[in-house]
Amino acid sequence: MLNTNKLKAKMKEKAITQKDVAKALDISTCAFNLKINNKRPLFLEEADKLCIILSISDDEFRNYFFVN
């Protein structure tokens, strides 16, 4: 399960919109919204791209993409 609040905060910090991310992932804005809100699965390759877009380091990965 994604850490939605942490991801959204990082997007805000970087001034990147859901539309920007969706375009970079080559999916619709609606699809990304469902994924970031844990309504649809985010695939590993999408998470990897999201890390690049948001400058999330390997050490930080689990804090954003795995929530207990």
C-alpha atoms as a PDB file:
ATOM      1  CA  MET A   1       0.000   0.000   0.000  1.00  0.00           C
ATOM      2  CA  LEU A   2       1.327   3.429  -0.958  1.00  0.00           C
ATOM      3  CA  ASN A   3       1.952   6.195   1.527  1.00  0.00           C
ATOM      4  CA  THR A   4      -0.467   8.538  -0.226  1.00  0.00           C
ATOM      5  CA  ASN A   5       0.138  11.542   2.018  1.00  0.00           C
ATOM      6  CA  LYS A   6       3.904  11.298   1.694  1.00  0.00           C
ATOM      7  CA  LEU A   7       3.744  10.952  -2.103  1.00  0.00           C
ATOM      8  CA  LYS A   8       1.336  13.868  -2.465  1.00  0.00           C
ATOM      9  CA  ALA A   9       3.533  16.015  -0.204  1.00  0.00           C
ATOM     10  CA  LYS A  10       6.591  15.173  -2.327  1.00  0.00           C
ATOM     11  CA  MET A  11       4.667  16.059  -5.479  1.00  0.00           C
ATOM     12  CA  LYS A  12       3.659  19.381  -3.946  1.00  0.00           C
ATOM     13  CA  GLU A  13       7.243  20.049  -2.842  1.00  0.00           C
ATOM     14  CA  LYS A  14       8.447  19.435  -6.409  1.00  0.00           C
ATOM     15  CA  ALA A  15       5.485  21.366  -7.923  1.00  0.00           C
ATOM     16  CA  ILE A  16       4.517  18.299  -9.958  1.00  0.00           C
ATOM     17  CA  THR A  17       0.838  17.639 -10.636  1.00  0.00           C
ATOM     18  CA  GLN A  18      -0.965  14.330 -10.981  1.00  0.00           C
ATOM     19  CA  LYS A  19      -1.439  15.223 -14.638  1.00  0.00           C
ATOM     20  CA  ASP A  20       2.355  15.624 -15.026  1.00  0.00           C
ATOM     21  CA  VAL A  21       3.008  12.248 -13.411  1.00  0.00           C
ATOM     22  CA  ALA A  22       0.284  10.520 -15.409  1.00  0.00           C
ATOM     23  CA  LYS A  23       1.773  11.835 -18.646  1.00  0.00           C
ATOM     24  CA  ALA A  24       5.250  10.636 -17.650  1.00  0.00           C
ATOM     25  CA  LEU A  25       3.842   7.194 -16.778  1.00  0.00           C
ATOM     26  CA  ASP A  26       1.830   7.147 -20.018  1.00  0.00           C
ATOM     27  CA  ILE A  27      -1.470   6.596 -18.202  1.00  0.00           C
ATOM     28  CA  SER A  28      -4.549   8.763 -17.754  1.00  0.00           C
ATOM     29  CA  THR A  29      -4.789  11.258 -14.919  1.00  0.00           C
ATOM     30  CA  CYS A  30      -7.781   9.311 -13.631  1.00  0.00           C
ATOM     31  CA  ALA A  31      -5.757   6.070 -13.588  1.00  0.00           C
ATOM     32  CA  PHE A  32      -2.932   7.740 -11.674  1.00  0.00           C
ATOM     33  CA  ASN A  33      -5.403   9.225  -9.199  1.00  0.00           C
ATOM     34  CA  LEU A  34      -6.790   5.751  -8.511  1.00  0.00           C
ATOM     35  CA  LYS A  35      -3.274   4.376  -8.063  1.00  0.00           C
ATOM     36  CA  ILE A  36      -2.042   7.112  -5.719  1.00  0.00           C
ATOM     37  CA  ASN A  37      -5.188   6.705  -3.619  1.00  0.00           C
ATOM     38  CA  ASN A  38      -4.679   2.929  -3.329  1.00  0.00           C
ATOM     39  CA  LYS A  39      -7.754   2.053  -5.387  1.00  0.00           C
ATOM     40  CA  ARG A  40      -5.683   0.389  -8.142  1.00  0.00           C
ATOM     41  CA  PRO A  41      -2.246  -1.263  -7.971  1.00  0.00           C
ATOM     42  CA  LEU A  42       0.876   0.702  -8.795  1.00  0.00           C
ATOM     43  CA  PHE A  43       3.262  -1.528 -10.720  1.00  0.00           C
ATOM     44  CA  LEU A  44       6.962  -1.708  -9.884  1.00  0.00           C
ATOM     45  CA  GLU A  45       8.058  -0.081 -13.160  1.00  0.00           C
ATOM     46  CA  GLU A  46       5.640   2.793 -12.417  1.00  0.00           C
ATOM     47  CA  ALA A  47       7.066   3.134  -8.914  1.00  0.00           C
ATOM     48  CA  ASP A  48      10.588   3.220 -10.363  1.00  0.00           C
ATOM     49  CA  LYS A  49       9.605   5.998 -12.779  1.00  0.00           C
ATOM     50  CA  LEU A  50       7.872   7.868  -9.971  1.00  0.00           C
ATOM     51  CA  CYS A  51      11.098   7.719  -7.950  1.00  0.00           C
ATOM     52  CA  ILE A  52      12.973   9.310 -10.830  1.00  0.00           C
ATOM     53  CA  ILE A  53      10.314  11.991 -11.346  1.00  0.00           C
ATOM     54  CA  LEU A  54      10.170  12.868  -7.628  1.00  0.00           C
ATOM     55  CA  SER A  55      13.868  12.300  -6.843  1.00  0.00           C
ATOM     56  CA  ILE A  56      13.122   9.572  -4.307  1.00  0.00           C
ATOM     57  CA  SER A  57      16.291   7.700  -3.391  1.00  0.00           C
ATOM     58  CA  ASP A  58      16.594   3.932  -3.079  1.00  0.00           C
ATOM     59  CA  ASP A  59      16.920   4.372   0.694  1.00  0.00           C
ATOM     60  CA  GLU A  60      13.607   6.262   0.831  1.00  0.00           C
ATOM     61  CA  PHE A  61      11.707   3.875  -1.466  1.00  0.00           C
ATOM     62  CA  ARG A  62      10.061   1.805   1.260  1.00  0.00           C
ATOM     63  CA  ASN A  63       8.867   4.927   3.123  1.00  0.00           C
ATOM     64  CA  TYR A  64       6.815   5.945   0.092  1.00  0.00           C
ATOM     65  CA  PHE A  65       5.673   2.623  -1.328  1.00  0.00           C
ATOM     66  CA  PHE A  66       5.171   0.324   1.657  1.00  0.00           C
ATOM     67  CA  VAL A  67       2.871   1.296   4.509  1.00  0.00           C
ATOM     68  CA  ASN A  68       2.033  -1.056   7.383  1.00  0.00           C
END
